[in-house]
C-alpha atoms as a PDB file:
ATOM      1  CA  UNK A   1     -34.900 -66.151 -22.416  1.00  0.00           C
ATOM      2  CA  UNK A   2     -33.525 -63.305 -20.992  1.00  0.00           C
ATOM      3  CA  UNK A   3     -32.412 -63.278 -17.398  1.00  0.00           C
ATOM      4  CA  UNK A   4     -33.633 -60.852 -14.791  1.00  0.00           C
ATOM      5  CA  UNK A   5     -31.667 -60.091 -12.383  1.00  0.00           C
ATOM      6  CA  UNK A   6     -34.145 -58.411  -9.812  1.00  0.00           C
ATOM      7  CA  UNK A   7     -37.727 -57.348  -9.768  1.00  0.00           C
ATOM      8  CA  UNK A   8     -40.288 -55.571  -7.463  1.00  0.00           C
ATOM      9  CA  UNK A   9     -43.789 -56.393  -7.396  1.00  0.00           C
ATOM     10  CA  UNK A  10     -46.511 -54.185  -5.302  1.00  0.00           C
ATOM     11  CA  UNK A  11     -49.495 -55.845  -4.084  1.00  0.00           C
ATOM     12  CA  UNK A  12     -47.516 -59.115  -3.290  1.00  0.00           C
ATOM     13  CA  UNK A  13     -49.384 -60.669  -0.636  1.00  0.00           C
ATOM     14  CA  UNK A  14     -52.330 -61.955  -2.564  1.00  0.00           C
ATOM     15  CA  UNK A  15     -54.201 -62.552  -5.766  1.00  0.00           C
ATOM     16  CA  UNK A  16     -52.026 -61.745  -8.946  1.00  0.00           C
ATOM     17  CA  UNK A  17     -49.163 -60.211  -7.200  1.00  0.00           C
ATOM     18  CA  UNK A  18     -48.502 -63.459  -4.801  1.00  0.00           C
ATOM     19  CA  UNK A  19     -48.315 -65.529  -7.633  1.00  0.00           C
ATOM     20  CA  UNK A  20     -46.226 -63.163  -9.576  1.00  0.00           C
ATOM     21  CA  UNK A  21     -43.807 -64.220  -6.495  1.00  0.00           C
ATOM     22  CA  UNK A  22     -44.309 -67.707  -6.828  1.00  0.00           C
ATOM     23  CA  UNK A  23     -43.989 -68.041 -10.500  1.00  0.00           C
ATOM     24  CA  UNK A  24     -40.512 -65.678 -10.341  1.00  0.00           C
ATOM     25  CA  UNK A  25     -39.163 -68.114  -7.634  1.00  0.00           C
ATOM     26  CA  UNK A  26     -40.079 -71.156 -10.451  1.00  0.00           C
ATOM     27  CA  UNK A  27     -37.892 -69.881 -12.838  1.00  0.00           C
ATOM     28  CA  UNK A  28     -35.140 -72.212 -13.971  1.00  0.00           C
ATOM     29  CA  UNK A  29     -32.931 -68.980 -13.464  1.00  0.00           C
ATOM     30  CA  UNK A  30     -34.750 -67.159 -10.985  1.00  0.00           C
ATOM     31  CA  UNK A  31     -34.084 -63.187 -10.210  1.00  0.00           C
ATOM     32  CA  UNK A  32     -31.408 -62.875  -7.916  1.00  0.00           C
ATOM     33  CA  UNK A  33     -33.177 -60.469  -5.860  1.00  0.00           C
ATOM     34  CA  UNK A  34     -37.413 -60.386  -5.368  1.00  0.00           C
ATOM     35  CA  UNK A  35     -38.887 -57.492  -3.617  1.00  0.00           C
ATOM     36  CA  UNK A  36     -42.236 -58.474  -2.438  1.00  0.00           C
ATOM     37  CA  UNK A  37     -44.113 -54.967  -1.579  1.00  0.00           C
ATOM     38  CA  UNK A  38     -47.250 -55.483   0.631  1.00  0.00           C
ATOM     39  CA  UNK A  39     -49.249 -52.830   2.822  1.00  0.00           C
ATOM     40  CA  UNK A  40     -49.181 -55.013   6.009  1.00  0.00           C
ATOM     41  CA  UNK A  41     -47.079 -57.912   6.994  1.00  0.00           C
ATOM     42  CA  UNK A  42     -49.979 -59.005   9.230  1.00  0.00           C
ATOM     43  CA  UNK A  43     -51.886 -59.842   6.152  1.00  0.00           C
ATOM     44  CA  UNK A  44     -48.972 -61.666   4.243  1.00  0.00           C
ATOM     45  CA  UNK A  45     -49.000 -65.167   5.704  1.00  0.00           C
ATOM     46  CA  UNK A  46     -48.269 -67.076   2.313  1.00  0.00           C
ATOM     47  CA  UNK A  47     -46.098 -64.388   1.604  1.00  0.00           C
ATOM     48  CA  UNK A  48     -44.076 -64.693   4.856  1.00  0.00           C
ATOM     49  CA  UNK A  49     -44.187 -69.002   4.412  1.00  0.00           C
ATOM     50  CA  UNK A  50     -42.953 -68.373   0.540  1.00  0.00           C
ATOM     51  CA  UNK A  51     -39.776 -66.520   2.082  1.00  0.00           C
ATOM     52  CA  UNK A  52     -39.123 -68.991   4.457  1.00  0.00           C
ATOM     53  CA  UNK A  53     -39.515 -71.931   2.571  1.00  0.00           C
ATOM     54  CA  UNK A  54     -37.100 -70.090  -0.218  1.00  0.00           C
ATOM     55  CA  UNK A  55     -34.705 -68.911   2.094  1.00  0.00           C
ATOM     56  CA  UNK A  56     -31.647 -69.773  -0.236  1.00  0.00           C
ATOM     57  CA  UNK A  57     -33.216 -67.537  -2.947  1.00  0.00           C
ATOM     58  CA  UNK A  58     -33.065 -63.325  -2.590  1.00  0.00           C
ATOM     59  CA  UNK A  59     -37.195 -62.864  -1.534  1.00  0.00           C
ATOM     60  CA  UNK A  60     -37.389 -59.951   0.377  1.00  0.00           C
ATOM     61  CA  UNK A  61     -40.656 -59.043   1.757  1.00  0.00           C
ATOM     62  CA  UNK A  62     -41.145 -55.498   2.685  1.00  0.00           C
ATOM     63  CA  UNK A  63     -43.950 -53.705   4.564  1.00  0.00           C
ATOM     64  CA  UNK A  64     -44.645 -50.193   2.752  1.00  0.00           C
ATOM     65  CA  UNK A  65     -47.990 -48.152   2.710  1.00  0.00           C
ATOM     66  CA  UNK A  66     -47.277 -47.345  -1.594  1.00  0.00           C
ATOM     67  CA  UNK A  67     -50.299 -44.854  -1.251  1.00  0.00           C
ATOM     68  CA  UNK A  68     -48.143 -42.417   0.902  1.00  0.00           C
ATOM     69  CA  UNK A  69     -45.555 -40.784  -1.173  1.00  0.00           C
ATOM     70  CA  UNK A  70     -43.379 -40.008   1.746  1.00  0.00           C
ATOM     71  CA  UNK A  71     -42.811 -44.041   1.793  1.00  0.00           C
ATOM     72  CA  UNK A  72     -41.260 -44.029  -1.467  1.00  0.00           C
ATOM     73  CA  UNK A  73     -37.918 -42.927  -0.796  1.00  0.00           C
ATOM     74  CA  UNK A  74     -37.655 -45.358   2.360  1.00  0.00           C
ATOM     75  CA  UNK A  75     -38.689 -47.999   0.039  1.00  0.00           C
ATOM     76  CA  UNK A  76     -36.362 -47.035  -2.727  1.00  0.00           C
ATOM     77  CA  UNK A  77     -33.250 -46.824  -0.222  1.00  0.00           C
ATOM     78  CA  UNK A  78     -34.310 -50.283   1.011  1.00  0.00           C
ATOM     79  CA  UNK A  79     -33.869 -51.935  -2.212  1.00  0.00           C
ATOM     80  CA  UNK A  80     -30.565 -49.991  -3.265  1.00  0.00           C
ATOM     81  CA  UNK A  81     -28.771 -51.499   0.023  1.00  0.00           C
ATOM     82  CA  UNK A  82     -29.355 -54.840  -1.659  1.00  0.00           C
ATOM     83  CA  UNK A  83     -28.790 -54.263  -5.367  1.00  0.00           C
ATOM     84  CA  UNK A  84     -26.127 -51.480  -4.914  1.00  0.00           C
ATOM     85  CA  UNK A  85     -24.952 -50.109  -8.313  1.00  0.00           C
ATOM     86  CA  UNK A  86     -26.861 -52.982 -10.155  1.00  0.00           C
ATOM     87  CA  UNK A  87     -30.308 -51.301  -9.982  1.00  0.00           C
ATOM     88  CA  UNK A  88     -34.026 -52.729 -10.348  1.00  0.00           C
ATOM     89  CA  UNK A  89     -34.500 -54.651 -13.255  1.00  0.00           C
ATOM     90  CA  UNK A  90     -38.349 -54.774 -13.413  1.00  0.00           C
ATOM     91  CA  UNK A  91     -40.871 -52.959 -11.455  1.00  0.00           C
ATOM     92  CA  UNK A  92     -44.447 -54.632 -11.817  1.00  0.00           C
ATOM     93  CA  UNK A  93     -47.029 -51.986 -10.807  1.00  0.00           C
ATOM     94  CA  UNK A  94     -49.553 -54.810  -9.401  1.00  0.00           C
ATOM     95  CA  UNK A  95     -51.921 -52.939  -6.547  1.00  0.00           C
ATOM     96  CA  UNK A  96     -55.223 -52.100  -7.277  1.00  0.00           C
ATOM     97  CA  UNK A  97     -58.399 -51.338  -5.925  1.00  0.00           C
ATOM     98  CA  UNK A  98     -61.630 -52.088  -7.443  1.00  0.00           C
ATOM     99  CA  UNK A  99     -65.377 -51.245  -5.633  1.00  0.00           C
ATOM    100  CA  UNK A 100     -67.708 -53.198  -7.772  1.00  0.00           C
ATOM    101  CA  UNK A 101     -70.687 -51.503  -5.946  1.00  0.00           C
ATOM    102  CA  UNK A 102     -70.420 -48.423  -7.916  1.00  0.00           C
ATOM    103  CA  UNK A 103     -73.125 -48.994 -10.601  1.00  0.00           C
ATOM    104  CA  UNK A 104     -75.003 -45.636 -10.937  1.00  0.00           C
ATOM    105  CA  UNK A 105     -74.540 -41.919 -10.927  1.00  0.00           C
ATOM    106  CA  UNK A 106     -76.188 -41.815  -7.616  1.00  0.00           C
ATOM    107  CA  UNK A 107     -73.411 -43.856  -5.883  1.00  0.00           C
ATOM    108  CA  UNK A 108     -70.815 -41.701  -7.041  1.00  0.00           C
ATOM    109  CA  UNK A 109     -69.065 -39.806  -4.366  1.00  0.00           C
ATOM    110  CA  UNK A 110     -65.776 -37.902  -4.614  1.00  0.00           C
ATOM    111  CA  UNK A 111     -64.192 -39.918  -1.971  1.00  0.00           C
ATOM    112  CA  UNK A 112     -64.483 -43.352  -3.825  1.00  0.00           C
ATOM    113  CA  UNK A 113     -63.682 -41.365  -7.065  1.00  0.00           C
ATOM    114  CA  UNK A 114     -60.306 -40.229  -5.542  1.00  0.00           C
ATOM    115  CA  UNK A 115     -59.628 -43.313  -3.793  1.00  0.00           C
ATOM    116  CA  UNK A 116     -59.609 -45.105  -7.388  1.00  0.00           C
ATOM    117  CA  UNK A 117     -57.322 -42.822  -8.867  1.00  0.00           C
ATOM    118  CA  UNK A 118     -54.875 -42.388  -6.009  1.00  0.00           C
ATOM    119  CA  UNK A 119     -54.427 -46.493  -5.837  1.00  0.00           C
ATOM    120  CA  UNK A 120     -54.851 -47.124  -9.542  1.00  0.00           C
ATOM    121  CA  UNK A 121     -53.128 -44.035 -11.337  1.00  0.00           C
ATOM    122  CA  UNK A 122     -51.256 -41.850  -8.688  1.00  0.00           C
ATOM    123  CA  UNK A 123     -49.608 -44.439  -6.825  1.00  0.00           C
ATOM    124  CA  UNK A 124     -48.057 -46.283 -10.136  1.00  0.00           C
ATOM    125  CA  UNK A 125     -46.937 -43.040 -11.355  1.00  0.00           C
ATOM    126  CA  UNK A 126     -45.325 -42.129  -8.356  1.00  0.00           C
ATOM    127  CA  UNK A 127     -43.621 -45.333  -7.624  1.00  0.00           C
ATOM    128  CA  UNK A 128     -42.307 -45.397 -11.362  1.00  0.00           C
ATOM    129  CA  UNK A 129     -40.905 -41.955 -10.555  1.00  0.00           C
ATOM    130  CA  UNK A 130     -39.563 -43.019  -7.529  1.00  0.00           C
ATOM    131  CA  UNK A 131     -37.912 -45.956  -9.046  1.00  0.00           C
ATOM    132  CA  UNK A 132     -36.685 -43.974 -12.126  1.00  0.00           C
ATOM    133  CA  UNK A 133     -33.130 -43.845 -11.070  1.00  0.00           C
ATOM    134  CA  UNK A 134     -32.820 -47.544  -9.770  1.00  0.00           C
ATOM    135  CA  UNK A 135     -34.093 -48.823 -13.238  1.00  0.00           C
ATOM    136  CA  UNK A 136     -31.967 -46.420 -15.314  1.00  0.00           C
ATOM    137  CA  UNK A 137     -28.972 -47.781 -13.433  1.00  0.00           C
ATOM    138  CA  UNK A 138     -29.676 -51.274 -14.557  1.00  0.00           C
ATOM    139  CA  UNK A 139     -30.658 -50.196 -18.204  1.00  0.00           C
ATOM    140  CA  UNK A 140     -28.534 -51.321 -21.008  1.00  0.00           C
ATOM    141  CA  UNK A 141     -28.568 -48.494 -23.743  1.00  0.00           C
ATOM    142  CA  UNK A 142     -28.785 -50.063 -27.308  1.00  0.00           C
ATOM    143  CA  UNK A 143     -30.181 -53.572 -26.647  1.00  0.00           C
ATOM    144  CA  UNK A 144     -33.928 -52.539 -27.768  1.00  0.00           C
ATOM    145  CA  UNK A 145     -34.253 -55.867 -29.409  1.00  0.00           C
ATOM    146  CA  UNK A 146     -33.770 -57.480 -25.684  1.00  0.00           C
ATOM    147  CA  UNK A 147     -35.330 -55.131 -23.829  1.00  0.00           C
ATOM    148  CA  UNK A 148     -33.532 -55.597 -20.074  1.00  0.00           C
ATOM    149  CA  UNK A 149     -35.132 -53.320 -17.812  1.00  0.00           C
ATOM    150  CA  UNK A 150     -39.194 -52.606 -17.866  1.00  0.00           C
ATOM    151  CA  UNK A 151     -41.917 -51.263 -16.212  1.00  0.00           C
ATOM    152  CA  UNK A 152     -45.225 -53.360 -16.020  1.00  0.00           C
ATOM    153  CA  UNK A 153     -48.756 -51.643 -15.004  1.00  0.00           C
ATOM    154  CA  UNK A 154     -51.202 -54.400 -14.475  1.00  0.00           C
ATOM    155  CA  UNK A 155     -54.208 -52.953 -16.048  1.00  0.00           C
ATOM    156  CA  UNK A 156     -56.916 -53.986 -17.489  1.00  0.00           C
ATOM    157  CA  UNK A 157     -59.309 -54.249 -20.730  1.00  0.00           C
ATOM    158  CA  UNK A 158     -61.761 -52.337 -18.488  1.00  0.00           C
ATOM    159  CA  UNK A 159     -59.933 -49.403 -18.859  1.00  0.00           C
ATOM    160  CA  UNK A 160     -60.080 -49.593 -22.583  1.00  0.00           C
ATOM    161  CA  UNK A 161     -62.981 -48.094 -24.498  1.00  0.00           C
ATOM    162  CA  UNK A 162     -63.811 -50.760 -27.074  1.00  0.00           C
ATOM    163  CA  UNK A 163     -63.848 -53.574 -24.043  1.00  0.00           C
ATOM    164  CA  UNK A 164     -65.436 -52.428 -20.811  1.00  0.00           C
ATOM    165  CA  UNK A 165     -68.780 -53.711 -21.030  1.00  0.00           C
ATOM    166  CA  UNK A 166     -68.716 -57.130 -19.579  1.00  0.00           C
ATOM    167  CA  UNK A 167     -68.865 -55.846 -15.831  1.00  0.00           C
ATOM    168  CA  UNK A 168     -71.962 -53.488 -15.333  1.00  0.00           C
ATOM    169  CA  UNK A 169     -70.477 -51.257 -12.382  1.00  0.00           C
ATOM    170  CA  UNK A 170     -67.216 -50.596 -11.152  1.00  0.00           C
ATOM    171  CA  UNK A 171     -67.113 -47.325 -12.929  1.00  0.00           C
ATOM    172  CA  UNK A 172     -64.298 -44.964 -11.033  1.00  0.00           C
ATOM    173  CA  UNK A 173     -62.187 -48.579 -11.548  1.00  0.00           C
ATOM    174  CA  UNK A 174     -62.812 -48.063 -15.253  1.00  0.00           C
ATOM    175  CA  UNK A 175     -62.198 -44.219 -15.203  1.00  0.00           C
ATOM    176  CA  UNK A 176     -58.812 -44.648 -13.334  1.00  0.00           C
ATOM    177  CA  UNK A 177     -57.661 -47.654 -15.514  1.00  0.00           C
ATOM    178  CA  UNK A 178     -58.331 -45.580 -18.838  1.00  0.00           C
ATOM    179  CA  UNK A 179     -56.116 -43.129 -16.980  1.00  0.00           C
ATOM    180  CA  UNK A 180     -53.398 -45.284 -16.172  1.00  0.00           C
ATOM    181  CA  UNK A 181     -53.163 -46.415 -19.823  1.00  0.00           C
ATOM    182  CA  UNK A 182     -52.778 -42.528 -21.087  1.00  0.00           C
ATOM    183  CA  UNK A 183     -50.024 -42.682 -18.324  1.00  0.00           C
ATOM    184  CA  UNK A 184     -48.463 -45.634 -19.580  1.00  0.00           C
ATOM    185  CA  UNK A 185     -48.253 -44.397 -23.084  1.00  0.00           C
ATOM    186  CA  UNK A 186     -46.890 -41.098 -22.048  1.00  0.00           C
ATOM    187  CA  UNK A 187     -44.352 -42.141 -19.396  1.00  0.00           C
ATOM    188  CA  UNK A 188     -43.395 -44.752 -22.025  1.00  0.00           C
ATOM    189  CA  UNK A 189     -41.664 -42.036 -24.432  1.00  0.00           C
ATOM    190  CA  UNK A 190     -40.088 -40.327 -21.059  1.00  0.00           C
ATOM    191  CA  UNK A 191     -38.824 -43.393 -19.937  1.00  0.00           C
ATOM    192  CA  UNK A 192     -37.097 -44.546 -23.428  1.00  0.00           C
ATOM    193  CA  UNK A 193     -34.045 -42.441 -23.464  1.00  0.00           C
ATOM    194  CA  UNK A 194     -33.070 -44.315 -20.091  1.00  0.00           C
ATOM    195  CA  UNK A 195     -33.234 -47.306 -21.625  1.00  0.00           C
ATOM    196  CA  UNK A 196     -36.315 -48.303 -19.785  1.00  0.00           C
ATOM    197  CA  UNK A 197     -39.843 -49.885 -21.579  1.00  0.00           C
ATOM    198  CA  UNK A 198     -42.826 -49.312 -20.118  1.00  0.00           C
ATOM    199  CA  UNK A 199     -46.133 -51.333 -20.999  1.00  0.00           C
ATOM    200  CA  UNK A 200     -49.368 -52.254 -19.711  1.00  0.00           C
ATOM    201  CA  UNK A 201     -50.502 -56.124 -19.076  1.00  0.00           C
ATOM    202  CA  UNK A 202     -54.274 -57.185 -18.746  1.00  0.00           C
ATOM    203  CA  UNK A 203     -54.051 -60.165 -16.870  1.00  0.00           C
ATOM    204  CA  UNK A 204     -57.708 -61.234 -17.781  1.00  0.00           C
ATOM    205  CA  UNK A 205     -60.660 -61.753 -15.687  1.00  0.00           C
ATOM    206  CA  UNK A 206     -59.089 -63.959 -13.195  1.00  0.00           C
ATOM    207  CA  UNK A 207     -60.723 -65.485 -10.056  1.00  0.00           C
ATOM    208  CA  UNK A 208     -59.181 -63.838  -7.232  1.00  0.00           C
ATOM    209  CA  UNK A 209     -60.592 -61.495  -4.571  1.00  0.00           C
ATOM    210  CA  UNK A 210     -61.054 -58.826  -6.812  1.00  0.00           C
ATOM    211  CA  UNK A 211     -62.054 -60.485  -9.965  1.00  0.00           C
ATOM    212  CA  UNK A 212     -64.714 -62.747  -8.046  1.00  0.00           C
ATOM    213  CA  UNK A 213     -65.688 -66.226  -8.254  1.00  0.00           C
ATOM    214  CA  UNK A 214     -66.683 -66.173 -11.790  1.00  0.00           C
ATOM    215  CA  UNK A 215     -63.336 -65.266 -13.283  1.00  0.00           C
ATOM    216  CA  UNK A 216     -62.402 -67.274 -16.686  1.00  0.00           C
ATOM    217  CA  UNK A 217     -58.886 -67.813 -15.431  1.00  0.00           C
ATOM    218  CA  UNK A 218     -56.900 -69.162 -12.321  1.00  0.00           C
ATOM    219  CA  UNK A 219     -54.345 -67.163 -10.997  1.00  0.00           C
ATOM    220  CA  UNK A 220     -51.921 -69.654 -12.532  1.00  0.00           C
ATOM    221  CA  UNK A 221     -53.078 -69.261 -15.606  1.00  0.00           C
ATOM    222  CA  UNK A 222     -52.887 -65.742 -16.202  1.00  0.00           C
ATOM    223  CA  UNK A 223     -49.745 -65.201 -14.420  1.00  0.00           C
ATOM    224  CA  UNK A 224     -47.909 -67.948 -16.807  1.00  0.00           C
ATOM    225  CA  UNK A 225     -49.113 -65.531 -19.548  1.00  0.00           C
ATOM    226  CA  UNK A 226     -47.913 -62.394 -18.247  1.00  0.00           C
ATOM    227  CA  UNK A 227     -44.404 -64.061 -17.058  1.00  0.00           C
ATOM    228  CA  UNK A 228     -44.058 -65.013 -20.965  1.00  0.00           C
ATOM    229  CA  UNK A 229     -44.322 -61.498 -21.956  1.00  0.00           C
ATOM    230  CA  UNK A 230     -42.314 -59.762 -19.399  1.00  0.00           C
ATOM    231  CA  UNK A 231     -39.291 -62.611 -20.433  1.00  0.00           C
ATOM    232  CA  UNK A 232     -39.700 -61.875 -24.270  1.00  0.00           C
ATOM    233  CA  UNK A 233     -40.387 -57.851 -24.081  1.00  0.00           C
ATOM    234  CA  UNK A 234     -39.246 -55.922 -27.485  1.00  0.00           C
ATOM    235  CA  UNK A 235     -39.743 -52.496 -28.399  1.00  0.00           C
ATOM    236  CA  UNK A 236     -42.812 -53.366 -29.893  1.00  0.00           C
ATOM    237  CA  UNK A 237     -44.698 -53.208 -26.596  1.00  0.00           C
ATOM    238  CA  UNK A 238     -43.491 -50.114 -25.620  1.00  0.00           C
ATOM    239  CA  UNK A 239     -46.506 -47.713 -24.571  1.00  0.00           C
ATOM    240  CA  UNK A 240     -49.009 -50.830 -25.223  1.00  0.00           C
ATOM    241  CA  UNK A 241     -51.435 -52.703 -23.483  1.00  0.00           C
ATOM    242  CA  UNK A 242     -51.502 -56.561 -23.915  1.00  0.00           C
ATOM    243  CA  UNK A 243     -53.488 -59.138 -22.796  1.00  0.00           C
ATOM    244  CA  UNK A 244     -52.037 -62.103 -20.743  1.00  0.00           C
ATOM    245  CA  UNK A 245     -52.251 -64.301 -24.219  1.00  0.00           C
ATOM    246  CA  UNK A 246     -49.816 -61.630 -25.900  1.00  0.00           C
ATOM    247  CA  UNK A 247     -52.471 -59.879 -28.064  1.00  0.00           C
ATOM    248  CA  UNK A 248     -52.210 -55.857 -27.968  1.00  0.00           C
ATOM    249  CA  UNK A 249     -55.256 -54.643 -27.209  1.00  0.00           C
ATOM    250  CA  UNK A 250     -54.927 -50.758 -26.701  1.00  0.00           C
ATOM    251  CA  UNK A 251     -52.316 -47.973 -27.067  1.00  0.00           C
END
């Protein structure tokens, strides 16, 4: 299994993002630096507790409103101060927004559609753009058989045409995640010459605030599968969407 030197996770204060932090900490060789990004430290009690109980590990909790492009340069600078010329090994675009109530045409508004697109599409693309130089610095060209640097977009089967019917509603969420699939596919080729692999992971229908109580998976089960993929990435993953079991479900 490869070694990950540094990882940044957005939306790390709860749900899947928080579990990513936990499971990176539990690795036999955890990353030297784990950057856990959240919108507000006031709503990150569990994350701050993790940082306090793992003070010997490089867990950096950072407050940042990632939907504000003006904040991206500050975030990159904060990470660069820590990693220096080593760059950033893995970027996990996990933060997302899901309003389940929009279940018919009449409930669509410009505001709710734009919010979904902003959080679920525009922000991960612009975060990736901001961190591209740091990712490139960490890359090792010519190591395609063992990808060392990657961007992981946490997506969902609701963003695919063949598997979007298990939830009747949340239409703007589906629109935005479908667009993120296309962005992943396109930007994967843009990042290839930089030595960076981009792909998407569908974490499954998970029991979280976003997924609801009737989810099929616990956060532990979901992220355990996601971690296995991240640690075993190869060129066959580039630009594609895989589910937490390792099955390719979209391009």
